[in-house]
Each structure stands twice: as C-alpha cells, then as structure tokens.
N, C-alpha and C. Protein backbone atom coordinates (compact mmCIF):
# COMPACT_ATOMS: atom_id res chain seq x y z
N MET A 1 -18.04 -4.03 38.08
CA MET A 1 -19.10 -4.36 37.35
C MET A 1 -19.94 -3.10 37.04
N SER A 2 -20.43 -2.94 35.99
CA SER A 2 -21.14 -1.62 35.53
C SER A 2 -22.68 -1.93 36.00
N ARG A 3 -23.35 -0.75 36.65
CA ARG A 3 -24.59 -0.81 36.85
C ARG A 3 -25.52 -0.64 35.56
N HIS A 4 -24.88 -0.23 34.50
CA HIS A 4 -25.70 0.00 33.06
C HIS A 4 -25.18 -1.16 32.43
N PRO A 5 -25.37 -2.46 32.05
CA PRO A 5 -24.77 -3.26 31.41
C PRO A 5 -25.08 -2.99 29.88
N SER A 6 -26.01 -2.31 29.52
CA SER A 6 -26.38 -1.77 28.05
C SER A 6 -25.40 -0.65 27.78
N LEU A 7 -25.04 0.27 28.55
CA LEU A 7 -24.15 1.13 28.32
C LEU A 7 -22.52 0.38 28.00
N ALA A 8 -22.34 -0.35 28.88
CA ALA A 8 -21.11 -0.95 28.79
C ALA A 8 -21.03 -1.78 27.43
N ILE A 9 -22.11 -2.40 26.98
CA ILE A 9 -22.19 -2.97 25.67
C ILE A 9 -22.09 -2.02 24.60
N LEU A 10 -22.84 -1.03 24.63
CA LEU A 10 -22.70 0.31 23.51
C LEU A 10 -21.36 0.57 23.65
N LEU A 11 -20.42 1.12 24.49
CA LEU A 11 -19.36 1.56 24.46
C LEU A 11 -18.18 0.45 23.76
N ALA A 12 -18.45 -0.83 24.13
CA ALA A 12 -17.52 -1.83 23.53
C ALA A 12 -17.84 -2.01 22.08
N ALA A 13 -19.11 -1.89 21.59
CA ALA A 13 -19.50 -2.06 20.40
C ALA A 13 -18.97 -0.65 19.69
N LEU A 14 -19.03 0.58 20.26
CA LEU A 14 -18.41 1.75 19.60
C LEU A 14 -16.87 1.76 19.30
N THR A 15 -16.05 1.01 20.32
CA THR A 15 -14.84 1.03 20.40
C THR A 15 -14.30 0.04 19.09
N ALA A 16 -14.96 -1.17 19.32
CA ALA A 16 -14.84 -2.13 18.20
C ALA A 16 -14.92 -1.48 16.76
N ALA A 17 -16.20 -0.82 16.54
CA ALA A 17 -16.46 -0.19 15.45
C ALA A 17 -15.25 0.62 14.80
N ALA A 18 -14.75 1.64 15.81
CA ALA A 18 -13.66 2.53 15.86
C ALA A 18 -12.28 2.06 15.41
N ILE A 19 -12.16 0.87 15.89
CA ILE A 19 -10.84 -0.21 15.75
C ILE A 19 -10.83 -0.90 14.50
N ALA A 20 -12.15 -1.37 13.86
CA ALA A 20 -12.32 -2.40 13.00
C ALA A 20 -11.84 -1.66 11.54
N PRO A 21 -12.09 -0.32 11.15
CA PRO A 21 -11.64 -0.03 9.94
C PRO A 21 -10.18 0.10 9.90
N ALA A 22 -9.52 0.22 10.61
CA ALA A 22 -7.87 0.30 10.48
C ALA A 22 -7.41 -1.04 10.02
N SER A 23 -8.10 -2.06 10.67
CA SER A 23 -7.48 -3.57 10.05
C SER A 23 -7.91 -3.92 8.85
N ALA A 24 -8.81 -2.89 8.08
CA ALA A 24 -9.28 -3.23 6.88
C ALA A 24 -8.44 -2.45 5.74
N HIS A 25 -7.43 -1.82 6.11
CA HIS A 25 -6.59 -1.07 5.28
C HIS A 25 -5.41 -1.93 4.85
N VAL A 26 -4.54 -1.86 3.66
CA VAL A 26 -3.41 -1.99 3.45
C VAL A 26 -2.39 -1.21 4.39
N GLY A 27 -1.80 -2.05 5.24
CA GLY A 27 -0.70 -1.37 6.23
C GLY A 27 0.55 -1.44 5.40
N LEU A 28 1.25 -0.21 6.07
CA LEU A 28 2.47 0.10 5.68
C LEU A 28 3.55 -0.36 6.66
N GLU A 29 4.61 -0.97 6.57
CA GLU A 29 5.65 -1.16 7.46
C GLU A 29 7.14 -0.70 6.91
N PRO A 30 7.59 0.38 7.52
CA PRO A 30 7.29 1.30 8.50
C PRO A 30 6.17 2.26 8.06
N ALA A 31 5.50 3.07 8.98
CA ALA A 31 4.55 3.93 8.64
C ALA A 31 5.06 5.40 8.33
N GLN A 32 6.36 5.62 8.80
CA GLN A 32 7.05 6.66 8.45
C GLN A 32 8.64 6.27 8.07
N ALA A 33 9.05 7.20 7.49
CA ALA A 33 10.53 6.95 7.17
C ALA A 33 11.16 8.40 7.03
N ALA A 34 12.78 8.56 7.05
CA ALA A 34 13.20 9.63 6.62
C ALA A 34 13.33 9.97 5.24
N ALA A 35 13.14 11.12 4.88
CA ALA A 35 12.98 11.61 3.50
C ALA A 35 14.50 11.42 2.87
N ASN A 36 14.39 11.12 1.50
CA ASN A 36 15.75 10.96 0.96
C ASN A 36 16.56 9.70 1.24
N THR A 37 16.07 8.89 1.67
CA THR A 37 16.65 7.66 2.31
C THR A 37 16.08 6.49 1.42
N THR A 38 16.94 5.22 1.48
CA THR A 38 16.40 4.01 0.89
C THR A 38 15.92 2.98 2.13
N ILE A 39 14.81 2.50 1.71
CA ILE A 39 14.26 1.65 2.68
C ILE A 39 13.71 0.40 1.89
N ALA A 40 13.27 -0.56 2.85
CA ALA A 40 12.26 -1.71 2.28
C ALA A 40 10.99 -1.29 3.03
N LEU A 41 10.00 -1.11 2.27
CA LEU A 41 8.67 -0.77 2.63
C LEU A 41 7.75 -1.96 2.59
N GLY A 42 7.00 -2.40 3.51
CA GLY A 42 6.13 -3.67 3.57
C GLY A 42 4.89 -3.29 3.26
N PHE A 43 4.12 -3.65 2.28
CA PHE A 43 2.95 -3.70 1.85
C PHE A 43 1.94 -4.70 2.55
N ARG A 44 1.38 -4.75 3.86
CA ARG A 44 0.58 -5.71 4.53
C ARG A 44 -0.69 -5.85 3.94
N ILE A 45 -1.12 -7.10 3.75
CA ILE A 45 -2.48 -7.35 3.18
C ILE A 45 -3.03 -8.39 4.17
N GLY A 46 -4.19 -7.71 4.82
CA GLY A 46 -4.66 -8.31 6.11
C GLY A 46 -5.87 -9.17 5.82
N HIS A 47 -6.40 -9.19 4.78
CA HIS A 47 -7.69 -9.84 4.48
C HIS A 47 -7.86 -10.14 2.84
N GLY A 48 -8.81 -10.81 2.37
CA GLY A 48 -9.30 -10.79 1.07
C GLY A 48 -10.23 -10.17 0.95
N CYS A 49 -11.21 -10.58 0.03
CA CYS A 49 -12.38 -9.72 -0.49
C CYS A 49 -13.51 -10.59 0.08
N GLY A 50 -14.02 -10.21 1.28
CA GLY A 50 -15.07 -11.18 1.74
C GLY A 50 -14.50 -12.46 2.27
N THR A 51 -14.92 -13.35 1.68
CA THR A 51 -14.56 -14.79 1.99
C THR A 51 -13.56 -15.30 0.72
N SER A 52 -13.22 -14.33 -0.25
CA SER A 52 -12.55 -14.69 -1.32
C SER A 52 -10.77 -14.38 -1.03
N PRO A 53 -10.13 -15.55 -1.53
CA PRO A 53 -8.50 -15.15 -1.27
C PRO A 53 -8.03 -14.09 -2.22
N THR A 54 -7.08 -13.37 -1.83
CA THR A 54 -6.30 -12.52 -2.67
C THR A 54 -5.41 -13.30 -3.75
N THR A 55 -5.55 -12.91 -4.77
CA THR A 55 -4.79 -13.47 -6.16
C THR A 55 -3.73 -12.71 -6.64
N ALA A 56 -3.93 -11.30 -6.34
CA ALA A 56 -2.81 -10.20 -6.94
C ALA A 56 -2.68 -9.00 -6.19
N VAL A 57 -1.74 -8.57 -5.90
CA VAL A 57 -1.38 -7.14 -5.29
C VAL A 57 -0.89 -6.43 -6.29
N LYS A 58 -1.15 -5.02 -6.73
CA LYS A 58 -0.53 -4.18 -7.73
C LYS A 58 -0.31 -3.06 -6.86
N ILE A 59 0.69 -2.48 -7.03
CA ILE A 59 1.35 -1.19 -6.26
C ILE A 59 1.70 -0.01 -7.32
N ARG A 60 1.21 1.12 -7.49
CA ARG A 60 1.79 2.13 -8.24
C ARG A 60 2.67 2.79 -7.37
N ILE A 61 3.76 3.14 -8.18
CA ILE A 61 4.85 3.95 -7.53
C ILE A 61 4.61 5.38 -7.88
N PRO A 62 4.46 6.18 -6.84
CA PRO A 62 4.42 7.64 -7.18
C PRO A 62 5.53 8.40 -7.57
N ALA A 63 5.54 9.35 -8.06
CA ALA A 63 6.46 10.24 -8.75
C ALA A 63 7.54 10.68 -7.63
N GLY A 64 8.74 10.72 -7.91
CA GLY A 64 9.71 10.85 -6.78
C GLY A 64 10.44 9.87 -6.20
N VAL A 65 9.80 8.77 -6.06
CA VAL A 65 10.25 7.49 -5.81
C VAL A 65 11.00 6.64 -6.71
N THR A 66 12.35 6.37 -6.51
CA THR A 66 13.37 5.93 -7.47
C THR A 66 13.79 4.62 -6.79
N ALA A 67 14.84 4.01 -7.64
CA ALA A 67 15.50 2.80 -7.28
C ALA A 67 14.70 1.71 -6.80
N VAL A 68 13.75 1.63 -7.34
CA VAL A 68 12.57 0.42 -6.97
C VAL A 68 13.07 -1.04 -7.24
N GLN A 69 13.04 -1.71 -6.25
CA GLN A 69 13.60 -2.82 -6.32
C GLN A 69 12.60 -3.99 -5.33
N PRO A 70 11.56 -4.74 -6.06
CA PRO A 70 10.52 -5.39 -5.48
C PRO A 70 11.32 -6.83 -5.05
N GLN A 71 10.59 -7.31 -3.70
CA GLN A 71 11.19 -8.76 -3.53
C GLN A 71 10.25 -9.80 -4.05
N PRO A 72 10.92 -10.67 -4.76
CA PRO A 72 10.00 -11.87 -5.22
C PRO A 72 9.46 -12.71 -4.01
N LYS A 73 8.46 -13.30 -4.25
CA LYS A 73 7.42 -13.92 -3.34
C LYS A 73 7.24 -15.44 -3.80
N ALA A 74 7.78 -16.47 -3.12
CA ALA A 74 7.43 -17.82 -3.29
C ALA A 74 5.98 -17.85 -3.92
N GLY A 75 5.51 -18.61 -5.02
CA GLY A 75 4.22 -18.85 -5.41
C GLY A 75 3.48 -17.85 -6.22
N TRP A 76 4.23 -16.62 -6.38
CA TRP A 76 3.53 -15.51 -6.96
C TRP A 76 4.42 -15.11 -8.11
N THR A 77 3.84 -14.58 -9.20
CA THR A 77 4.72 -14.14 -10.39
C THR A 77 4.99 -12.65 -10.12
N LEU A 78 6.22 -12.23 -10.23
CA LEU A 78 6.61 -10.59 -9.98
C LEU A 78 6.81 -10.00 -11.51
N THR A 79 6.17 -8.91 -11.60
CA THR A 79 6.19 -8.31 -12.77
C THR A 79 6.38 -6.85 -12.40
N VAL A 80 7.44 -6.10 -13.15
CA VAL A 80 7.82 -4.86 -13.13
C VAL A 80 7.27 -3.84 -14.13
N VAL A 81 6.38 -2.80 -14.01
CA VAL A 81 5.98 -2.13 -15.10
C VAL A 81 6.62 -0.86 -15.21
N ARG A 82 7.26 -0.56 -16.26
CA ARG A 82 7.97 0.58 -16.36
C ARG A 82 7.27 1.93 -17.06
N ALA A 83 7.42 3.27 -16.62
CA ALA A 83 6.86 4.11 -16.97
C ALA A 83 7.30 4.40 -18.64
N GLN A 84 6.30 4.94 -19.40
CA GLN A 84 6.68 5.26 -20.85
C GLN A 84 7.27 6.58 -20.89
N ALA A 85 8.62 6.33 -21.76
CA ALA A 85 9.25 7.63 -21.84
C ALA A 85 8.72 8.39 -23.01
N PRO A 86 8.83 9.62 -23.07
CA PRO A 86 8.14 10.51 -23.97
C PRO A 86 8.86 10.12 -25.23
N ALA A 87 7.94 10.12 -26.38
CA ALA A 87 8.74 9.68 -27.83
C ALA A 87 9.91 10.70 -28.13
N GLY A 88 10.85 9.90 -28.35
CA GLY A 88 12.10 10.80 -28.76
C GLY A 88 12.97 11.16 -27.58
N ALA A 89 12.44 10.99 -26.50
CA ALA A 89 13.29 11.68 -25.25
C ALA A 89 14.35 10.78 -24.91
N ALA A 90 15.69 11.14 -24.88
CA ALA A 90 16.90 10.49 -24.41
C ALA A 90 17.28 10.68 -22.92
N PRO A 91 17.55 9.85 -22.30
CA PRO A 91 17.71 9.82 -20.75
C PRO A 91 19.00 10.70 -20.48
N ALA A 92 18.97 11.41 -19.56
CA ALA A 92 19.94 12.44 -18.97
C ALA A 92 21.15 11.72 -18.95
N ALA A 93 22.38 12.10 -18.85
CA ALA A 93 23.65 11.52 -18.83
C ALA A 93 23.99 10.94 -17.43
N ASP A 94 23.17 11.49 -16.47
CA ASP A 94 23.15 10.83 -15.13
C ASP A 94 21.98 10.12 -14.68
N GLN A 95 21.17 9.66 -15.71
CA GLN A 95 20.20 8.94 -15.31
C GLN A 95 20.29 7.45 -15.94
N PRO A 96 19.72 6.51 -15.48
CA PRO A 96 19.73 5.07 -16.03
C PRO A 96 18.95 5.23 -17.26
N ALA A 97 19.44 4.21 -18.10
CA ALA A 97 18.76 4.14 -19.49
C ALA A 97 17.35 3.61 -19.74
N ALA A 98 16.81 2.64 -18.51
CA ALA A 98 15.68 2.21 -18.29
C ALA A 98 14.59 3.20 -17.83
N PRO A 99 13.40 3.52 -18.29
CA PRO A 99 12.52 4.27 -17.57
C PRO A 99 12.53 3.73 -16.12
N PRO A 100 11.82 4.69 -15.29
CA PRO A 100 11.52 4.33 -13.63
C PRO A 100 10.45 3.45 -13.71
N VAL A 101 10.30 2.65 -12.67
CA VAL A 101 9.48 1.79 -12.31
C VAL A 101 8.00 2.57 -11.71
N ALA A 102 7.01 2.36 -12.68
CA ALA A 102 5.60 2.85 -12.44
C ALA A 102 4.67 1.99 -11.55
N GLU A 103 4.91 0.62 -11.78
CA GLU A 103 3.97 -0.28 -10.79
C GLU A 103 4.74 -1.59 -10.58
N VAL A 104 4.56 -2.25 -9.54
CA VAL A 104 4.97 -3.49 -9.19
C VAL A 104 3.72 -4.31 -9.19
N HIS A 105 3.67 -5.61 -9.77
CA HIS A 105 2.51 -6.35 -9.66
C HIS A 105 3.09 -7.87 -9.03
N TRP A 106 2.36 -8.35 -8.09
CA TRP A 106 2.39 -9.73 -7.82
C TRP A 106 1.03 -10.54 -8.31
N THR A 107 1.14 -11.63 -9.08
CA THR A 107 0.11 -12.17 -9.63
C THR A 107 -0.01 -13.76 -9.29
N GLY A 108 -0.98 -14.43 -9.55
CA GLY A 108 -0.91 -15.97 -9.52
C GLY A 108 -0.78 -16.49 -8.26
N GLY A 109 -0.70 -15.66 -7.10
CA GLY A 109 -0.52 -16.28 -5.82
C GLY A 109 -2.00 -16.67 -5.29
N ASN A 110 -2.03 -17.24 -4.06
CA ASN A 110 -3.18 -17.48 -3.25
C ASN A 110 -2.96 -17.24 -1.65
N LEU A 111 -3.66 -16.04 -1.37
CA LEU A 111 -3.41 -15.64 0.11
C LEU A 111 -4.97 -15.79 0.68
N PRO A 112 -5.11 -16.89 1.43
CA PRO A 112 -6.29 -17.16 2.00
C PRO A 112 -6.89 -16.09 3.01
N VAL A 113 -8.30 -15.77 3.10
CA VAL A 113 -8.75 -14.71 3.92
C VAL A 113 -8.33 -14.79 5.40
N GLU A 114 -7.92 -16.07 5.75
CA GLU A 114 -7.68 -16.32 7.40
C GLU A 114 -6.09 -15.91 7.64
N PHE A 115 -5.38 -15.55 6.61
CA PHE A 115 -3.83 -15.18 6.70
C PHE A 115 -3.71 -13.85 6.26
N TYR A 116 -2.50 -13.32 6.66
CA TYR A 116 -1.97 -12.05 6.04
C TYR A 116 -0.69 -12.36 5.51
N ASP A 117 -0.32 -11.57 4.82
CA ASP A 117 1.07 -11.45 4.44
C ASP A 117 1.78 -10.05 3.89
N THR A 118 2.93 -9.95 3.68
CA THR A 118 3.70 -8.36 3.51
C THR A 118 4.32 -8.72 2.16
N PHE A 119 4.16 -7.82 1.45
CA PHE A 119 4.70 -7.61 0.13
C PHE A 119 5.97 -6.36 0.15
N PHE A 120 7.29 -6.80 -0.05
CA PHE A 120 8.24 -5.72 0.23
C PHE A 120 8.66 -4.97 -1.00
N VAL A 121 9.11 -3.78 -1.12
CA VAL A 121 9.91 -3.08 -2.16
C VAL A 121 10.58 -2.22 -1.58
N ARG A 122 11.86 -2.52 -1.87
CA ARG A 122 13.10 -1.50 -1.65
C ARG A 122 13.00 -0.41 -2.39
N MET A 123 13.27 0.86 -2.00
CA MET A 123 13.04 2.29 -2.88
C MET A 123 13.95 3.35 -2.02
N ARG A 124 14.07 4.19 -2.93
CA ARG A 124 14.85 5.57 -2.71
C ARG A 124 13.45 6.41 -2.52
N LEU A 125 13.33 7.20 -1.39
CA LEU A 125 12.21 7.98 -1.16
C LEU A 125 12.55 9.37 -1.48
N PRO A 126 11.62 10.42 -1.75
CA PRO A 126 11.75 11.53 -2.40
C PRO A 126 12.46 12.30 -1.01
N ALA A 127 13.02 13.71 -1.68
CA ALA A 127 13.76 14.52 -0.41
C ALA A 127 12.71 15.56 -0.07
N THR A 128 11.52 15.09 0.41
CA THR A 128 10.49 16.02 0.64
C THR A 128 9.99 15.77 2.14
N PRO A 129 10.63 16.23 3.21
CA PRO A 129 10.47 16.09 4.78
C PRO A 129 9.03 16.66 4.93
N ASN A 130 8.20 16.06 5.90
CA ASN A 130 6.83 16.50 6.21
C ASN A 130 5.99 16.47 5.22
N ALA A 131 6.27 15.38 4.30
CA ALA A 131 5.01 15.18 3.26
C ALA A 131 4.78 13.88 3.37
N THR A 132 3.59 13.39 2.75
CA THR A 132 3.19 12.01 2.70
C THR A 132 3.09 11.58 1.59
N VAL A 133 3.68 10.55 1.19
CA VAL A 133 3.66 9.69 -0.16
C VAL A 133 2.68 8.65 0.00
N TYR A 134 1.77 8.86 -1.26
CA TYR A 134 0.56 7.76 -1.21
C TYR A 134 1.01 6.79 -2.35
N PHE A 135 0.82 5.51 -1.98
CA PHE A 135 1.08 4.48 -2.87
C PHE A 135 -0.15 3.65 -3.15
N PRO A 136 -0.93 3.98 -4.28
CA PRO A 136 -2.23 3.34 -4.53
C PRO A 136 -2.00 1.86 -4.69
N VAL A 137 -2.87 1.08 -4.03
CA VAL A 137 -2.76 -0.50 -4.21
C VAL A 137 -4.00 -0.99 -4.83
N VAL A 138 -4.02 -2.02 -5.66
CA VAL A 138 -5.10 -2.77 -6.24
C VAL A 138 -5.03 -4.38 -5.59
N GLN A 139 -5.93 -4.73 -4.90
CA GLN A 139 -5.94 -6.17 -4.42
C GLN A 139 -6.94 -6.80 -5.03
N GLU A 140 -6.55 -7.76 -5.95
CA GLU A 140 -7.56 -8.62 -6.75
C GLU A 140 -7.58 -9.92 -5.75
N CYS A 141 -8.94 -10.63 -5.89
CA CYS A 141 -9.34 -11.82 -5.40
C CYS A 141 -9.91 -12.64 -6.42
N VAL A 142 -10.18 -13.72 -5.86
CA VAL A 142 -10.60 -14.84 -6.94
C VAL A 142 -12.13 -14.28 -7.31
N SER A 143 -12.79 -13.70 -6.16
CA SER A 143 -14.07 -12.98 -6.50
C SER A 143 -13.99 -11.71 -5.85
N GLY A 144 -13.70 -10.57 -6.69
CA GLY A 144 -13.85 -9.28 -5.95
C GLY A 144 -12.49 -8.59 -6.12
N VAL A 145 -12.49 -7.28 -5.82
CA VAL A 145 -11.46 -6.35 -5.90
C VAL A 145 -11.59 -5.48 -4.85
N HIS A 146 -10.29 -5.04 -4.21
CA HIS A 146 -10.37 -3.69 -3.26
C HIS A 146 -9.33 -2.91 -4.12
N ARG A 147 -9.74 -1.60 -4.30
CA ARG A 147 -9.15 -0.48 -4.70
C ARG A 147 -8.81 0.33 -3.81
N TRP A 148 -7.26 0.28 -3.26
CA TRP A 148 -7.02 1.16 -2.02
C TRP A 148 -6.29 2.17 -2.76
N ILE A 149 -7.15 3.07 -3.68
CA ILE A 149 -6.27 4.10 -4.45
C ILE A 149 -6.81 5.69 -3.97
N ASP A 150 -7.74 5.68 -3.06
CA ASP A 150 -8.27 7.14 -2.97
C ASP A 150 -7.23 7.75 -1.87
N VAL A 151 -6.75 9.12 -2.35
CA VAL A 151 -5.91 9.88 -1.34
C VAL A 151 -6.93 10.52 -0.53
N PRO A 152 -6.64 10.46 1.12
CA PRO A 152 -7.22 11.25 1.84
C PRO A 152 -7.18 12.75 1.64
N GLN A 153 -8.24 13.43 1.76
CA GLN A 153 -8.12 14.83 1.73
C GLN A 153 -8.38 15.69 3.02
N ALA A 154 -7.81 16.77 3.23
CA ALA A 154 -7.67 17.23 4.56
C ALA A 154 -9.07 17.98 4.61
N GLY A 155 -9.67 17.69 5.84
CA GLY A 155 -11.06 18.29 6.38
C GLY A 155 -12.13 17.33 5.68
N GLN A 156 -11.76 16.23 5.00
CA GLN A 156 -12.90 15.35 4.65
C GLN A 156 -12.84 13.85 5.39
N ALA A 157 -13.74 13.35 5.42
CA ALA A 157 -13.84 11.95 5.90
C ALA A 157 -12.86 10.94 5.27
N GLU A 158 -12.35 10.02 5.88
CA GLU A 158 -11.28 8.94 5.42
C GLU A 158 -12.10 8.19 4.18
N PRO A 159 -11.52 8.15 2.98
CA PRO A 159 -12.28 7.23 1.95
C PRO A 159 -12.51 5.88 2.42
N ALA A 160 -13.32 5.08 1.89
CA ALA A 160 -13.76 3.79 2.37
C ALA A 160 -12.33 2.81 1.91
N GLU A 161 -11.63 3.20 0.87
CA GLU A 161 -10.61 2.39 0.38
C GLU A 161 -9.33 3.31 0.18
N PRO A 162 -8.72 3.89 1.34
CA PRO A 162 -7.70 4.93 1.27
C PRO A 162 -6.36 4.34 0.73
N ALA A 163 -5.65 5.00 -0.14
CA ALA A 163 -4.20 4.47 -0.51
C ALA A 163 -3.50 4.91 0.72
N PRO A 164 -2.54 3.69 0.86
CA PRO A 164 -1.47 3.65 1.99
C PRO A 164 -0.72 4.88 1.83
N GLY A 165 -0.33 5.50 2.96
CA GLY A 165 0.55 6.73 3.06
C GLY A 165 1.77 6.64 3.74
N LEU A 166 2.70 7.09 3.37
CA LEU A 166 3.99 6.96 4.03
C LEU A 166 4.65 8.40 4.49
N ARG A 167 4.66 8.71 5.77
CA ARG A 167 5.05 10.05 6.28
C ARG A 167 6.49 10.21 6.04
N LEU A 168 6.92 11.00 5.44
CA LEU A 168 8.39 11.38 5.31
C LEU A 168 9.01 12.52 6.26
N THR A 169 9.85 12.00 7.23
CA THR A 169 10.42 12.64 8.24
C THR A 169 11.72 13.47 7.87
N PRO A 170 12.17 14.49 8.60
CA PRO A 170 13.35 15.24 8.19
C PRO A 170 14.62 14.22 8.61
C-alpha cells in the first residue's frame, strides 16, 4: 500500500488517460501485413458517437490497393463505389474492365454504443514494404459523425480522429 494515496490515484488516472484514446480509434485487424499479399482486413468499430449508435461505416480505399472484396454484413446495406475512369480512357489489356474500388459503404445498420463490431474487406496490398497504408473511415451515427480521416504526420501530435494505418512488412 502506498504511503501517498494521492500519488497512486494520480498515476492511475494518467495511465487510464494514456490508454483511453487508443480505444477510441477505428482498429485494424491485423495491424500489419506483408506487402504485395492478399488479406482480409477488419475495421473494428468500438463505440458510437457519444450515446448514439453507429448506422454507417464508409471506408476509402487508398491508391495501390486492388482486388477489393467487402464482406456483406447481415442487417446492413453494402455498396461499392468505383473510381471514375478518365473520359475516353480504355482499360489496359491486362486490367479488368471495371474501374477500381474507391470506397466501401455499409449503411442502414444499427450498432449500439455498448457493442463493437468488425467490418471486413479482402484486398491485395501494394508492393511497398516498410510503408504504412492509411484507410480513411467515416463513421455515421443516428446523431453525430466521426471522421477518422486525418493521416498522422511525423513529428506532430496524433490527430484527434486519425485514419487507421496498416504497416506493410517485407
């Protein structure tokens, strides 16, 4: 038992404060993956907007990520938004006819604040080891929105609502 209970309380509060922001982010499962591989990446939504449940999760797919296949989720409407092809552009002979996936949206669901859920997207990762790929996510709620879209910058404090990043390994 500490002879300084106020010091113990302060240390506990500082520890809780340091841990709390991590639970407020959109989590990725896994947090890292080998470059130039195909994986199923899970986007974990751990809370709503204050006391308001989540009703939509929208993920922007970064350049270099290909072969995107989102997993349907019961009770949610799944929409794939494709990139706009430049006017008059024809696909290369080795490319699919459809433009690449630019965004994946799950809408019309209801994820109460006391629960969490994971939204999965299968994809081919870029061939850029030792890089981090960021996936901007917009989380809409009955009342409110979280825009997890800010990319952390070296030497700066972490943004309030950072985009989830996947570290690519060799």
